[in-house]
């Protein structure tokens, strides 16, 4: 073989050029392979979406939708259902649309709604049969009438959308009911219930240690008396969901004194119940704590925070007969102690200071907006400085400032968590 036909060895430059050429060819083949795979996957995806859409259209002949918690008859669709009203739909429009066979859900109204709620402490609207009758609340009512007691706070309660307090006595006309064997037991005739609507108080918690002072029948008489004057009642396992300016408000009342953390299942269940009934705004009222303690105990902080965790938008409490502080927990307020309010339990109570807690909620659709728009109105349980005449009265000037300072100081007694902070009472005082 001649030397002309033999292959010459490649130079270094030629080897580099050949490697670069092969690399470009490999990259080109890899690119087209990836492109081909992407095109195939895209086609599969488009086909799947189209099949899903077509499948949904066909399945409307057999779906079984739920309206207002009820199942429509088999084979019914939301487009042809007649006689079922979708949740949040306007009943009138749904009825008209149903008649035409074209009922459809109405969108939730997104217009902001503001709801102002006022809350006051213990109302003992009766007396103990062993008290001096001449200075008792019962004698004041017989002398001055039912409108007397709330006349100094009427403007406040008339300017809100809902007023709530704690009913810590019984109404009964049955003189034969035996008094419970306890230190104090408070009762009054059933017509005393008119004190509440006369004062523009719409709702009362009845879960407390004086709700059956003359036995269970006295509690039933009390609830009937409240019904007769149009006052809403809640407490124990009785919850309420009421309409306020088109917003469903849930009311839960818990009596904690005897059972402490054993009330946890009841608390969770009752909040769940009002939520299931459509409550958008939920308020929990506790009767808890220790008499004359200036700081909440471990059960108050446990249950109050748990109520917020379970969905409450506001927690308030009473029983200590003196005011306690206010904590902001996860953006919601826990008002630990409102103190006494219209208090027939003592002509000379140890502390005559009290306050009205007032909060405005903004609701959009089915959601309570974040943020706390709250204020504290300092009051005395009496319009007289020296003794209790059972007439709660707002306080101004130095006396009002002293009450606000007391609430703020007791606020600092609350043991905080990483999710809580002290409410600025002084910065939110309202001198009415």
Protein backbone atom coordinates (compact mmCIF):
# COMPACT_ATOMS: atom_id res chain seq x y z
CA UNK A 1 0.00 0.00 0.00
CA UNK A 2 1.42 3.34 -1.03
CA UNK A 3 1.98 6.12 1.40
CA UNK A 4 -0.55 8.31 -0.48
CA UNK A 5 -3.47 6.06 0.56
CA UNK A 6 -2.58 5.92 4.25
CA UNK A 7 -4.47 8.15 6.78
CA UNK A 8 -2.41 10.83 8.29
CA UNK A 9 -2.60 11.36 12.06
CA UNK A 10 -4.92 14.22 13.12
CA UNK A 11 -3.33 17.27 14.45
CA UNK A 12 -4.36 18.67 17.84
CA UNK A 13 -6.28 21.45 16.14
CA UNK A 14 -8.21 18.97 14.01
CA UNK A 15 -9.06 16.84 17.04
CA UNK A 16 -10.47 19.87 18.87
CA UNK A 17 -12.57 20.84 15.86
CA UNK A 18 -13.92 17.27 15.54
CA UNK A 19 -14.87 17.12 19.24
CA UNK A 20 -16.67 20.44 19.00
CA UNK A 21 -18.59 19.22 15.95
CA UNK A 22 -19.67 16.03 17.70
CA UNK A 23 -20.71 18.03 20.80
CA UNK A 24 -22.87 20.33 18.69
CA UNK A 25 -24.54 17.35 17.05
CA UNK A 26 -25.27 15.78 20.45
CA UNK A 27 -26.76 19.03 21.78
CA UNK A 28 -28.90 19.37 18.66
CA UNK A 29 -30.25 15.85 19.02
CA UNK A 30 -30.94 16.40 22.75
CA UNK A 31 -32.82 19.63 22.01
CA UNK A 32 -35.11 18.02 19.43
CA UNK A 33 -35.74 15.06 21.73
CA UNK A 34 -36.83 17.34 24.60
CA UNK A 35 -38.97 19.38 22.21
CA UNK A 36 -40.73 16.29 20.96
CA UNK A 37 -41.47 15.10 24.50
CA UNK A 38 -42.85 18.55 25.47
CA UNK A 39 -45.17 18.58 22.45
CA UNK A 40 -46.52 15.15 23.38
CA UNK A 41 -47.12 16.13 27.01
CA UNK A 42 -48.87 19.35 25.99
CA UNK A 43 -51.17 17.41 23.74
CA UNK A 44 -52.03 14.98 26.53
CA UNK A 45 -52.76 17.86 28.91
CA UNK A 46 -55.06 19.63 26.43
CA UNK A 47 -56.90 16.41 25.76
CA UNK A 48 -57.35 15.78 29.49
CA UNK A 49 -58.77 19.25 30.15
CA UNK A 50 -61.21 18.91 27.28
CA UNK A 51 -62.36 15.53 28.56
CA UNK A 52 -62.85 16.89 32.08
CA UNK A 53 -64.99 19.80 30.84
CA UNK A 54 -67.14 17.53 28.74
CA UNK A 55 -67.45 15.12 31.63
CA UNK A 56 -68.69 17.84 33.94
CA UNK A 57 -71.33 18.92 31.45
CA UNK A 58 -72.60 15.37 31.21
CA UNK A 59 -72.53 14.80 34.94
CA UNK A 60 -74.92 17.70 35.63
CA UNK A 61 -77.68 15.26 34.84
CA UNK A 62 -76.87 13.14 37.91
CA UNK A 63 -75.34 15.44 40.56
CA UNK A 64 -77.18 15.74 43.87
CA UNK A 65 -76.44 19.26 45.20
CA UNK A 66 -77.04 20.46 48.73
CA UNK A 67 -79.04 23.63 49.42
CA UNK A 68 -79.54 25.09 52.91
CA UNK A 69 -78.32 21.86 54.43
CA UNK A 70 -80.81 19.70 52.46
CA UNK A 71 -80.11 17.32 49.61
CA UNK A 72 -82.01 17.96 46.43
CA UNK A 73 -83.82 15.01 44.83
CA UNK A 74 -81.68 12.65 42.79
CA UNK A 75 -81.12 13.87 39.25
CA UNK A 76 -81.58 17.51 40.24
CA UNK A 77 -79.07 20.22 39.33
CA UNK A 78 -78.48 23.69 40.65
CA UNK A 79 -79.77 25.01 37.33
CA UNK A 80 -83.14 23.26 37.42
CA UNK A 81 -83.85 22.86 41.15
CA UNK A 82 -87.18 24.24 42.34
CA UNK A 83 -87.99 24.75 46.03
CA UNK A 84 -84.43 24.74 47.41
CA UNK A 85 -82.80 28.00 48.40
CA UNK A 86 -78.99 28.16 48.17
CA UNK A 87 -77.20 29.33 51.30
CA UNK A 88 -76.72 33.15 51.22
CA UNK A 89 -79.28 33.52 48.45
CA UNK A 90 -82.07 36.06 48.68
CA UNK A 91 -85.22 34.00 49.41
CA UNK A 92 -87.50 36.16 47.30
CA UNK A 93 -85.28 36.16 44.23
CA UNK A 94 -84.61 32.44 44.65
CA UNK A 95 -88.34 31.74 44.84
CA UNK A 96 -89.02 33.73 41.68
CA UNK A 97 -86.14 32.13 39.87
CA UNK A 98 -87.26 28.69 41.02
CA UNK A 99 -90.69 29.27 39.57
CA UNK A 100 -89.05 29.86 36.24
CA UNK A 101 -86.82 26.83 36.71
CA UNK A 102 -83.60 28.89 36.73
CA UNK A 103 -82.69 29.27 40.44
CA UNK A 104 -79.03 30.06 41.07
CA UNK A 105 -77.08 31.13 44.15
CA UNK A 106 -76.87 34.83 44.91
CA UNK A 107 -73.32 36.13 45.51
CA UNK A 108 -72.49 37.09 49.09
CA UNK A 109 -72.89 40.84 49.60
CA UNK A 110 -69.44 42.36 50.01
CA UNK A 111 -70.71 45.69 51.35
CA UNK A 112 -69.02 46.40 54.72
CA UNK A 113 -71.38 46.29 57.70
CA UNK A 114 -70.40 47.82 61.07
CA UNK A 115 -71.87 46.39 64.27
CA UNK A 116 -71.34 48.13 67.61
CA UNK A 117 -71.75 45.97 70.71
CA UNK A 118 -71.83 47.20 74.33
CA UNK A 119 -71.18 44.80 77.20
CA UNK A 120 -71.77 45.39 80.91
CA UNK A 121 -71.10 43.32 84.02
CA UNK A 122 -73.25 41.56 86.60
CA UNK A 123 -76.85 42.65 86.88
CA UNK A 124 -78.36 41.42 90.14
CA UNK A 125 -81.91 42.62 89.63
CA UNK A 126 -83.31 41.36 92.92
CA UNK A 127 -82.52 41.08 96.60
CA UNK A 128 -81.85 38.48 99.25
CA UNK A 129 -84.82 37.89 101.53
CA UNK A 130 -82.52 38.42 104.52
CA UNK A 131 -81.48 41.93 103.43
CA UNK A 132 -82.97 45.14 104.78
CA UNK A 133 -85.88 45.63 102.41
CA UNK A 134 -85.99 49.41 102.80
CA UNK A 135 -82.60 49.79 101.06
CA UNK A 136 -82.98 46.90 98.63
CA UNK A 137 -83.13 47.05 94.84
CA UNK A 138 -86.64 45.62 95.03
CA UNK A 139 -87.84 48.56 97.10
CA UNK A 140 -86.19 51.00 94.65
CA UNK A 141 -88.03 49.35 91.77
CA UNK A 142 -91.37 49.52 93.54
CA UNK A 143 -90.70 53.17 94.42
CA UNK A 144 -89.17 54.53 91.20
CA UNK A 145 -90.26 52.08 88.51
CA UNK A 146 -88.35 49.86 86.09
CA UNK A 147 -86.99 52.71 83.93
CA UNK A 148 -85.09 54.22 86.88
CA UNK A 149 -82.12 51.84 86.92
CA UNK A 150 -80.60 52.35 83.45
CA UNK A 151 -81.62 55.92 82.79
CA UNK A 152 -78.03 57.27 83.11
CA UNK A 153 -76.64 54.77 80.58
CA UNK A 154 -79.63 54.69 78.27
CA UNK A 155 -78.01 57.00 75.73
CA UNK A 156 -75.04 54.65 75.49
CA UNK A 157 -77.11 51.50 75.09
CA UNK A 158 -79.47 53.20 72.65
CA UNK A 159 -76.63 54.21 70.34
CA UNK A 160 -75.27 50.70 69.77
CA UNK A 161 -76.58 47.73 67.78
CA UNK A 162 -76.54 45.18 70.59
CA UNK A 163 -76.21 45.41 74.39
CA UNK A 164 -75.31 42.33 76.45
CA UNK A 165 -75.09 41.83 80.21
CA UNK A 166 -75.10 39.03 82.81
CA UNK A 167 -78.34 38.06 84.58
CA UNK A 168 -77.25 37.18 88.12
CA UNK A 169 -80.58 36.70 89.90
CA UNK A 170 -83.93 35.07 89.25
CA UNK A 171 -87.37 36.39 88.38
CA UNK A 172 -90.28 34.45 89.84
CA UNK A 173 -93.76 35.10 91.18
CA UNK A 174 -93.87 31.76 92.95
CA UNK A 175 -93.49 32.45 96.67
CA UNK A 176 -93.42 28.75 97.46
CA UNK A 177 -90.14 27.94 95.74
CA UNK A 178 -87.55 27.04 98.39
CA UNK A 179 -84.44 29.16 98.70
CA UNK A 180 -81.22 27.32 97.92
CA UNK A 181 -78.99 26.66 100.92
CA UNK A 182 -76.31 29.23 100.13
CA UNK A 183 -74.91 32.46 101.50
CA UNK A 184 -76.75 34.75 99.09
CA UNK A 185 -79.80 34.13 96.92
CA UNK A 186 -81.40 36.88 94.85
CA UNK A 187 -84.89 37.08 93.43
CA UNK A 188 -87.47 39.58 92.27
CA UNK A 189 -90.98 39.52 90.79
CA UNK A 190 -91.15 38.72 87.08
CA UNK A 191 -92.21 42.25 86.12
CA UNK A 192 -88.71 43.43 87.12
CA UNK A 193 -87.55 41.94 83.82
CA UNK A 194 -88.88 45.13 82.22
CA UNK A 195 -85.79 46.89 83.62
CA UNK A 196 -83.80 45.42 80.72
CA UNK A 197 -85.82 46.62 77.70
CA UNK A 198 -86.36 49.93 79.47
CA UNK A 199 -82.57 50.20 79.50
CA UNK A 200 -82.24 49.04 75.89
CA UNK A 201 -80.46 45.81 76.91
CA UNK A 202 -81.23 43.14 74.32
CA UNK A 203 -79.43 39.99 75.52
CA UNK A 204 -78.51 38.37 78.84
CA UNK A 205 -76.16 35.55 79.77
CA UNK A 206 -77.90 33.28 82.29
CA UNK A 207 -75.03 30.87 83.04
CA UNK A 208 -73.82 31.80 86.54
CA UNK A 209 -73.95 30.84 90.20
CA UNK A 210 -77.24 32.67 90.86
CA UNK A 211 -79.28 31.38 87.92
CA UNK A 212 -81.10 28.84 90.11
CA UNK A 213 -81.17 30.55 93.50
CA UNK A 214 -84.67 29.20 94.12
CA UNK A 215 -84.26 25.91 92.31
CA UNK A 216 -84.54 24.91 88.67
CA UNK A 217 -88.11 26.15 88.47
CA UNK A 218 -86.89 29.66 89.30
CA UNK A 219 -84.58 29.46 86.28
CA UNK A 220 -87.48 28.47 84.06
CA UNK A 221 -89.54 31.35 85.44
CA UNK A 222 -86.63 33.71 84.70
CA UNK A 223 -86.30 32.57 81.10
CA UNK A 224 -90.05 32.95 80.60
CA UNK A 225 -89.95 36.45 82.10
CA UNK A 226 -87.15 37.42 79.70
CA UNK A 227 -89.11 35.98 76.78
CA UNK A 228 -92.16 37.98 77.78
CA UNK A 229 -90.25 41.28 77.54
CA UNK A 230 -88.38 40.30 74.37
CA UNK A 231 -84.91 39.89 75.88
CA UNK A 232 -82.68 37.23 74.34
CA UNK A 233 -81.15 34.74 76.79
CA UNK A 234 -78.27 32.32 76.40
CA UNK A 235 -75.97 30.29 78.62
CA UNK A 236 -75.02 26.73 79.61
CA UNK A 237 -76.06 24.64 76.58
CA UNK A 238 -78.46 27.27 75.28
CA UNK A 239 -76.80 29.19 72.47
CA UNK A 240 -78.30 31.90 70.31
CA UNK A 241 -77.68 33.05 66.77
CA UNK A 242 -79.38 36.37 66.13
CA UNK A 243 -79.57 38.72 63.17
CA UNK A 244 -77.97 42.11 63.68
CA UNK A 245 -78.09 44.39 60.62
CA UNK A 246 -78.16 41.33 58.37
CA UNK A 247 -75.18 39.66 60.10
CA UNK A 248 -75.61 36.48 62.12
CA UNK A 249 -74.18 36.92 65.61
CA UNK A 250 -73.56 33.88 67.82
CA UNK A 251 -73.89 34.16 71.61
CA UNK A 252 -72.33 31.59 73.96
CA UNK A 253 -72.43 31.68 77.78
CA UNK A 254 -70.20 29.48 79.97
CA UNK A 255 -70.34 29.02 83.77
CA UNK A 256 -66.81 28.07 84.80
CA UNK A 257 -66.68 28.40 88.60
CA UNK A 258 -67.27 24.82 89.70
CA UNK A 259 -65.76 22.85 86.82
CA UNK A 260 -62.90 25.01 85.51
CA UNK A 261 -61.20 23.23 82.58
CA UNK A 262 -63.92 20.57 82.55
CA UNK A 263 -65.94 23.20 80.67
CA UNK A 264 -63.60 22.83 77.67
CA UNK A 265 -65.82 20.33 75.77
CA UNK A 266 -68.89 22.51 76.32
CA UNK A 267 -67.02 25.60 75.18
CA UNK A 268 -65.75 23.97 72.00
CA UNK A 269 -69.08 22.37 71.21
CA UNK A 270 -71.13 25.53 71.73
CA UNK A 271 -68.86 27.66 69.55
CA UNK A 272 -69.07 24.95 66.91
CA UNK A 273 -72.87 24.95 67.18
CA UNK A 274 -73.25 28.68 66.52
CA UNK A 275 -70.80 28.42 63.62
CA UNK A 276 -72.87 25.61 62.12
CA UNK A 277 -75.94 27.82 62.46
CA UNK A 278 -74.23 30.44 60.33
CA UNK A 279 -72.75 32.78 62.94
CA UNK A 280 -70.26 35.15 61.32
CA UNK A 281 -69.51 37.09 64.52
CA UNK A 282 -69.19 35.07 67.75
CA UNK A 283 -69.19 36.48 71.30
CA UNK A 284 -68.48 34.30 74.34
CA UNK A 285 -69.50 35.44 77.84
CA UNK A 286 -67.91 33.68 80.82
CA UNK A 287 -68.86 33.66 84.50
CA UNK A 288 -65.49 32.83 86.00
CA UNK A 289 -62.59 33.69 88.27
CA UNK A 290 -62.33 34.41 91.98
CA UNK A 291 -64.20 37.06 93.89
CA UNK A 292 -62.19 40.25 94.50
CA UNK A 293 -59.12 38.95 92.64
CA UNK A 294 -57.58 41.73 90.57
CA UNK A 295 -55.92 39.34 88.11
CA UNK A 296 -57.38 36.45 86.10
CA UNK A 297 -56.48 32.96 87.25
CA UNK A 298 -55.03 30.18 85.11
CA UNK A 299 -58.46 28.86 84.10
CA UNK A 300 -59.60 32.26 82.88
CA UNK A 301 -56.57 32.69 80.65
CA UNK A 302 -56.81 29.08 79.46
CA UNK A 303 -60.50 29.20 78.56
CA UNK A 304 -60.46 32.76 77.24
CA UNK A 305 -57.63 32.06 74.82
CA UNK A 306 -59.13 28.72 73.86
CA UNK A 307 -62.39 30.47 72.95
CA UNK A 308 -60.46 32.71 70.55
CA UNK A 309 -58.63 29.68 69.14
CA UNK A 310 -62.00 28.00 68.53
CA UNK A 311 -63.35 30.98 66.58
CA UNK A 312 -64.69 33.56 69.04
CA UNK A 313 -64.27 37.18 67.98
CA UNK A 314 -64.68 38.60 71.50
CA UNK A 315 -64.54 37.13 75.01
CA UNK A 316 -65.85 38.91 78.11
CA UNK A 317 -66.30 37.78 81.69
CA UNK A 318 -67.55 38.69 85.13
CA UNK A 319 -68.04 37.34 88.68
CA UNK A 320 -65.10 38.81 90.60
CA UNK A 321 -67.30 41.83 91.56
CA UNK A 322 -64.34 44.07 90.75
CA UNK A 323 -62.87 45.06 87.39
CA UNK A 324 -60.04 43.09 85.80
CA UNK A 325 -57.81 43.80 82.82
CA UNK A 326 -58.04 43.34 79.07
CA UNK A 327 -55.77 41.21 76.90
CA UNK A 328 -55.44 41.29 73.12
CA UNK A 329 -54.83 37.69 72.05
CA UNK A 330 -54.22 36.86 68.37
CA UNK A 331 -55.81 40.18 67.45
CA UNK A 332 -58.98 39.57 69.51
CA UNK A 333 -59.84 41.01 72.93
CA UNK A 334 -60.43 39.10 76.16
CA UNK A 335 -62.11 41.34 78.75
CA UNK A 336 -61.50 39.38 81.92
CA UNK A 337 -63.66 41.25 84.40
CA UNK A 338 -66.41 43.79 83.78
CA UNK A 339 -67.21 44.07 87.49
CA UNK A 340 -70.69 44.72 88.86
CA UNK A 341 -73.16 46.85 86.96
CA UNK A 342 -76.73 47.16 88.18
CA UNK A 343 -75.94 45.34 91.37
CA UNK A 344 -78.64 44.58 93.92
CA UNK A 345 -76.31 42.35 95.88
CA UNK A 346 -74.90 44.99 98.21
CA UNK A 347 -75.73 48.53 99.27
CA UNK A 348 -72.05 49.18 100.02
CA UNK A 349 -70.01 47.03 97.62
CA UNK A 350 -66.25 46.91 98.13
CA UNK A 351 -65.69 48.41 94.69
CA UNK A 352 -68.22 50.67 93.02
CA UNK A 353 -66.09 51.10 89.91
CA UNK A 354 -67.20 49.39 86.72
CA UNK A 355 -67.10 50.01 82.99
CA UNK A 356 -68.95 49.42 79.76
CA UNK A 357 -66.85 47.72 77.12
CA UNK A 358 -67.79 48.82 73.62
CA UNK A 359 -66.48 47.39 70.35
CA UNK A 360 -67.33 48.02 66.71
CA UNK A 361 -66.86 45.12 64.30
CA UNK A 362 -66.63 45.47 60.54
CA UNK A 363 -68.04 42.53 58.62
CA UNK A 364 -67.53 42.03 54.89
CA UNK A 365 -69.41 39.11 53.42
CA UNK A 366 -68.92 36.24 55.83
CA UNK A 367 -65.73 37.55 57.43
CA UNK A 368 -65.04 39.76 60.43
CA UNK A 369 -62.25 42.13 59.46
CA UNK A 370 -59.03 42.16 61.45
CA UNK A 371 -58.30 44.92 63.94
CA UNK A 372 -59.85 45.97 67.24
CA UNK A 373 -61.97 49.12 67.33
CA UNK A 374 -62.81 49.17 71.04
CA UNK A 375 -63.30 51.62 73.86
CA UNK A 376 -63.89 51.60 77.59
CA UNK A 377 -66.51 53.82 79.23
CA UNK A 378 -65.73 54.26 82.97
CA UNK A 379 -68.78 54.02 85.22
CA UNK A 380 -69.87 53.67 88.82
CA UNK A 381 -72.55 51.21 89.89
CA UNK A 382 -74.31 54.13 91.55
CA UNK A 383 -75.22 57.72 90.85
CA UNK A 384 -74.53 58.44 94.52
CA UNK A 385 -70.93 58.63 95.70
CA UNK A 386 -71.48 57.21 99.19
CA UNK A 387 -73.74 54.21 98.69
CA UNK A 388 -75.18 51.99 95.97
CA UNK A 389 -78.50 53.26 94.69
CA UNK A 390 -78.50 50.69 91.85
CA UNK A 391 -78.21 53.28 89.08
CA UNK A 392 -75.07 52.75 86.92
CA UNK A 393 -73.63 56.09 85.90
CA UNK A 394 -70.79 57.13 83.53
CA UNK A 395 -67.88 58.89 85.22
CA UNK A 396 -66.03 61.97 83.97
CA UNK A 397 -62.97 64.00 84.87
CA UNK A 398 -60.78 62.73 87.68
CA UNK A 399 -63.16 59.98 88.77
CA UNK A 400 -63.35 58.60 85.24
CA UNK A 401 -59.59 58.82 84.80
CA UNK A 402 -59.05 56.98 88.09
CA UNK A 403 -61.22 54.06 86.92
CA UNK A 404 -59.39 53.90 83.61
CA UNK A 405 -56.05 53.90 85.44
CA UNK A 406 -57.25 51.08 87.67
CA UNK A 407 -58.28 48.93 84.69
CA UNK A 408 -54.93 49.62 82.98
CA UNK A 409 -52.96 48.68 86.08
CA UNK A 410 -54.87 45.43 86.41
CA UNK A 411 -54.32 44.78 82.73
CA UNK A 412 -50.61 44.62 83.49
CA UNK A 413 -51.28 41.75 85.92
CA UNK A 414 -52.26 39.45 83.05
CA UNK A 415 -49.55 36.85 82.24
CA UNK A 416 -48.98 37.19 78.51
CA UNK A 417 -47.99 34.67 75.87
CA UNK A 418 -46.12 35.20 72.61
CA UNK A 419 -49.53 35.61 70.93
CA UNK A 420 -50.87 38.29 73.27
CA UNK A 421 -50.34 41.87 74.40
CA UNK A 422 -51.82 44.33 76.85
CA UNK A 423 -54.79 46.36 75.64
CA UNK A 424 -54.15 50.09 75.84
CA UNK A 425 -57.11 50.99 78.06
CA UNK A 426 -55.96 54.54 78.70
CA UNK A 427 -55.62 55.27 75.01
CA UNK A 428 -59.10 53.89 74.34
CA UNK A 429 -61.05 55.44 77.22
CA UNK A 430 -64.30 57.05 76.22
CA UNK A 431 -65.63 59.76 78.50
CA UNK A 432 -69.26 59.73 77.49
